[in-house]
Amino acid sequence: MRDLLDDLDRWRAAGKRVALARVVDIEGSGPRDPGAAMAVNEDGEVVGSVSGGCVEGAVVGEALEVLRDGAARLARFGYSDDEAFAVGLTCGGTIHLLIEPLDW
């Protein structure tokens, strides 16, 4: 999370809306441990990582939806999910993310 702070400060100063995605749980094997974070601003700029790259694109889409509707959500990506497999989560586990708008 600390590696995001410089970019978050810059985005806040620019008045950007931001969604924060955090790994809150994993089942089985996961690419990143709970606490891993990624931020997405309203322009689609991204900092951080919740999966080492394998589901980042899908998480950006979820984060932009959170910014559109303003509601936090839980997202789950696992090996058995068609979407997660399509975007490359092949580690065999499931990751659970909390994606929420960042309230400055």
Protein backbone atom coordinates (compact mmCIF):
# COMPACT_ATOMS: atom_id res chain seq x y z
CA MET A 1 0.00 0.00 0.00
CA ARG A 2 2.82 2.43 0.80
CA ASP A 3 4.12 2.21 -2.76
CA LEU A 4 0.84 3.82 -3.91
CA LEU A 5 1.06 6.91 -1.73
CA ASP A 6 3.00 9.21 -4.07
CA ASP A 7 0.59 8.56 -6.93
CA LEU A 8 -2.44 8.86 -4.65
CA ASP A 9 -1.17 12.22 -3.39
CA ARG A 10 -0.67 13.42 -6.96
CA TRP A 11 -4.15 12.28 -7.99
CA ARG A 12 -5.73 13.90 -4.92
CA ALA A 13 -3.97 17.19 -5.71
CA ALA A 14 -5.34 16.97 -9.26
CA GLY A 15 -8.89 16.34 -7.99
CA LYS A 16 -9.11 12.85 -9.48
CA ARG A 17 -11.64 10.32 -8.22
CA VAL A 18 -9.99 7.02 -7.27
CA ALA A 19 -11.07 3.46 -6.53
CA LEU A 20 -8.94 1.25 -4.32
CA ALA A 21 -8.85 -2.53 -4.77
CA ARG A 22 -7.39 -4.67 -1.98
CA VAL A 23 -6.89 -8.39 -1.62
CA VAL A 24 -8.93 -9.32 1.45
CA ASP A 25 -8.71 -13.12 1.24
CA ILE A 26 -7.28 -15.94 -0.82
CA GLU A 27 -8.34 -19.55 -1.09
CA GLY A 28 -5.66 -22.01 -2.07
CA SER A 29 -2.78 -20.61 -4.07
CA GLY A 30 -2.90 -16.89 -4.85
CA PRO A 31 -0.56 -14.56 -6.70
CA ARG A 32 -0.54 -11.85 -3.96
CA ASP A 33 -1.19 -11.97 -0.22
CA PRO A 34 -4.05 -10.21 1.56
CA GLY A 35 -3.27 -6.52 1.85
CA ALA A 36 -1.94 -6.18 -1.70
CA ALA A 37 -3.49 -3.08 -3.23
CA MET A 38 -4.10 -1.39 -6.54
CA ALA A 39 -5.58 2.05 -7.24
CA VAL A 40 -7.37 3.16 -10.39
CA ASN A 41 -8.24 6.76 -11.13
CA GLU A 42 -11.19 7.99 -13.19
CA ASP A 43 -8.95 8.23 -16.27
CA GLY A 44 -8.03 4.54 -16.01
CA GLU A 45 -4.50 5.13 -14.72
CA VAL A 46 -3.33 2.30 -12.46
CA VAL A 47 -0.77 1.92 -9.68
CA GLY A 48 -0.05 -1.16 -7.62
CA SER A 49 -1.04 -4.76 -8.18
CA VAL A 50 -3.47 -7.27 -6.71
CA SER A 51 -2.46 -10.26 -8.79
CA GLY A 52 0.94 -9.73 -10.33
CA GLY A 53 -0.76 -8.95 -13.64
CA CYS A 54 -3.06 -11.91 -14.24
CA VAL A 55 -6.42 -10.24 -13.45
CA GLU A 56 -5.45 -6.57 -13.39
CA GLY A 57 -7.43 -5.71 -16.54
CA ALA A 58 -10.65 -7.14 -15.10
CA VAL A 59 -10.04 -5.32 -11.81
CA VAL A 60 -9.63 -2.00 -13.65
CA GLY A 61 -13.05 -2.56 -15.21
CA GLU A 62 -14.59 -3.31 -11.80
CA ALA A 63 -12.89 -0.24 -10.29
CA LEU A 64 -14.23 2.04 -13.02
CA GLU A 65 -17.74 0.68 -12.38
CA VAL A 66 -17.29 1.45 -8.66
CA LEU A 67 -16.38 5.02 -9.61
CA ARG A 68 -19.48 5.24 -11.84
CA ASP A 69 -21.98 3.99 -9.27
CA GLY A 70 -20.16 4.95 -6.05
CA ALA A 71 -20.83 1.60 -4.37
CA ALA A 72 -18.12 -0.61 -2.89
CA ARG A 73 -18.18 -4.24 -3.94
CA LEU A 74 -16.53 -7.56 -3.35
CA ALA A 75 -15.06 -9.24 -6.41
CA ARG A 76 -13.84 -12.80 -6.69
CA PHE A 77 -11.53 -14.31 -9.26
CA GLY A 78 -10.65 -17.98 -9.32
CA TYR A 79 -9.35 -20.69 -11.56
CA SER A 80 -12.82 -22.10 -12.14
CA ASP A 81 -14.32 -18.76 -13.17
CA ASP A 82 -14.44 -18.41 -16.95
CA GLU A 83 -13.57 -14.71 -16.78
CA ALA A 84 -10.65 -15.23 -14.41
CA PHE A 85 -9.26 -18.05 -16.52
CA ALA A 86 -9.66 -15.92 -19.63
CA VAL A 87 -7.62 -13.13 -18.07
CA GLY A 88 -4.98 -15.53 -16.83
CA LEU A 89 -5.55 -16.51 -13.18
CA THR A 90 -4.06 -19.96 -13.53
CA CYS A 91 -2.47 -20.31 -10.07
CA GLY A 92 -5.29 -22.61 -9.04
CA GLY A 93 -6.64 -20.49 -6.19
CA THR A 94 -9.25 -17.80 -5.69
CA ILE A 95 -8.66 -14.19 -4.70
CA HIS A 96 -11.25 -12.01 -3.01
CA LEU A 97 -11.01 -8.25 -3.49
CA LEU A 98 -12.70 -5.31 -1.83
CA ILE A 99 -13.04 -2.51 -4.37
CA GLU A 100 -14.23 0.83 -3.01
CA PRO A 101 -14.17 4.50 -3.90
CA LEU A 102 -11.44 6.33 -2.03
CA ASP A 103 -12.87 9.08 0.13
CA TRP A 104 -10.33 11.86 0.34
